[in-house]
Amino acid sequence: MAYLLPAIQISDELLLTWLSFLRYSPNLKNDWKIHSSLELFSAFGNEGHLKSVQRARLGVSNKSYAFGLALNLGEKGKSLEEVDVNPGVFVQKSF
């Protein structure tokens, strides 16, 4: 599954954003599936890169629950002056 959403704001300053959701969940066995997802967000203005965020998830799911490893990345500034790396685990409930 893939969702891609570009947007352009035209006002005093230009703002271009890009939002993407990519998910892949193949069957493993019985009610178990591999859970993989990638979420991407980037924003650009007149001066170039403003901010980007990437969220990656890899784990397993059973019915409406998923759990596994997570990685969040964030970058700010034209030259990516600020970079935030946040690894961890995730638990997700789908409604």
Protein backbone atom coordinates (compact mmCIF):
# COMPACT_ATOMS: atom_id res chain seq x y z
CA MET A 1 0.00 0.00 0.00
CA ALA A 2 1.35 3.43 -0.85
CA TYR A 3 -0.02 6.93 -0.24
CA LEU A 4 1.79 9.91 -1.74
CA LEU A 5 0.68 13.48 -1.07
CA PRO A 6 2.58 16.47 -2.47
CA ALA A 7 1.42 19.98 -1.57
CA ILE A 8 2.46 23.50 -2.57
CA GLN A 9 1.59 26.60 -0.56
CA ILE A 10 1.89 29.81 -2.51
CA SER A 11 1.81 32.94 -0.37
CA ASP A 12 4.50 35.38 0.71
CA GLU A 13 6.91 32.45 0.78
CA LEU A 14 6.86 29.19 -1.11
CA LEU A 15 6.32 26.00 0.90
CA LEU A 16 6.56 22.61 -0.77
CA THR A 17 5.78 19.51 1.29
CA TRP A 18 5.81 15.81 0.48
CA LEU A 19 4.15 13.14 2.62
CA SER A 20 4.43 9.41 1.86
CA PHE A 21 3.15 6.27 3.60
CA LEU A 22 4.43 2.90 2.41
CA ARG A 23 3.27 -0.36 4.01
CA TYR A 24 3.81 -4.01 3.18
CA SER A 25 2.31 -6.87 5.22
CA PRO A 26 2.78 -10.33 3.66
CA ASN A 27 1.30 -13.38 5.39
CA LEU A 28 3.54 -15.56 7.55
CA LYS A 29 1.39 -18.30 9.09
CA ASN A 30 -2.21 -18.46 10.36
CA ASP A 31 -3.11 -14.93 11.59
CA TRP A 32 0.52 -13.73 11.68
CA LYS A 33 1.93 -11.23 9.16
CA ILE A 34 5.14 -9.30 8.67
CA HIS A 35 4.53 -5.65 9.54
CA SER A 36 6.70 -3.17 7.65
CA SER A 37 6.03 0.51 7.17
CA LEU A 38 7.86 3.66 6.16
CA GLU A 39 6.52 7.19 6.64
CA LEU A 40 8.33 10.10 4.98
CA PHE A 41 7.76 13.85 5.35
CA SER A 42 9.84 16.64 3.83
CA ALA A 43 9.34 20.41 3.70
CA PHE A 44 11.16 22.88 1.45
CA GLY A 45 10.95 26.66 1.31
CA ASN A 46 12.53 29.53 -0.62
CA GLU A 47 15.86 28.88 1.12
CA GLY A 48 15.87 25.12 0.49
CA HIS A 49 15.37 22.22 2.91
CA LEU A 50 13.45 23.07 6.10
CA LYS A 51 12.68 19.77 7.78
CA SER A 52 12.43 16.04 7.08
CA VAL A 53 11.13 13.16 9.18
CA GLN A 54 11.37 9.43 8.48
CA ARG A 55 9.67 6.74 10.56
CA ALA A 56 10.47 3.07 9.87
CA ARG A 57 8.76 0.08 11.50
CA LEU A 58 9.58 -3.62 11.11
CA GLY A 59 7.91 -6.36 13.11
CA VAL A 60 5.05 -8.83 13.14
CA SER A 61 1.29 -8.44 13.48
CA ASN A 62 -1.52 -10.67 14.67
CA LYS A 63 -5.08 -9.54 13.94
CA SER A 64 -5.23 -5.91 15.10
CA TYR A 65 -1.93 -5.73 17.03
CA ALA A 66 1.59 -5.16 15.70
CA PHE A 67 4.93 -4.94 17.51
CA GLY A 68 8.60 -4.81 16.62
CA LEU A 69 11.55 -2.48 16.03
CA ALA A 70 11.19 1.23 15.29
CA LEU A 71 13.47 3.98 14.01
CA ASN A 72 12.59 7.68 13.87
CA LEU A 73 14.89 10.10 12.06
CA GLY A 74 14.57 13.87 11.89
CA GLU A 75 16.61 16.49 10.08
CA LYS A 76 16.36 20.29 10.13
CA GLY A 77 18.00 23.03 8.13
CA LYS A 78 19.44 23.55 4.70
CA SER A 79 22.60 21.59 5.48
CA LEU A 80 20.86 19.18 7.88
CA GLU A 81 22.46 20.99 10.83
CA GLU A 82 20.26 19.18 13.35
CA VAL A 83 19.87 15.41 13.02
CA ASP A 84 17.86 13.39 15.53
CA VAL A 85 18.12 9.58 15.57
CA ASN A 86 15.67 7.73 17.82
CA PRO A 87 15.67 3.89 17.74
CA GLY A 88 13.31 1.80 19.86
CA VAL A 89 10.39 -0.60 19.84
CA PHE A 90 6.74 -0.10 18.92
CA VAL A 91 3.34 -1.55 19.80
CA GLN A 92 0.43 -0.64 17.55
CA LYS A 93 -3.33 -1.29 17.81
CA SER A 94 -5.39 -0.93 14.62
CA PHE A 95 -9.06 -0.01 14.93
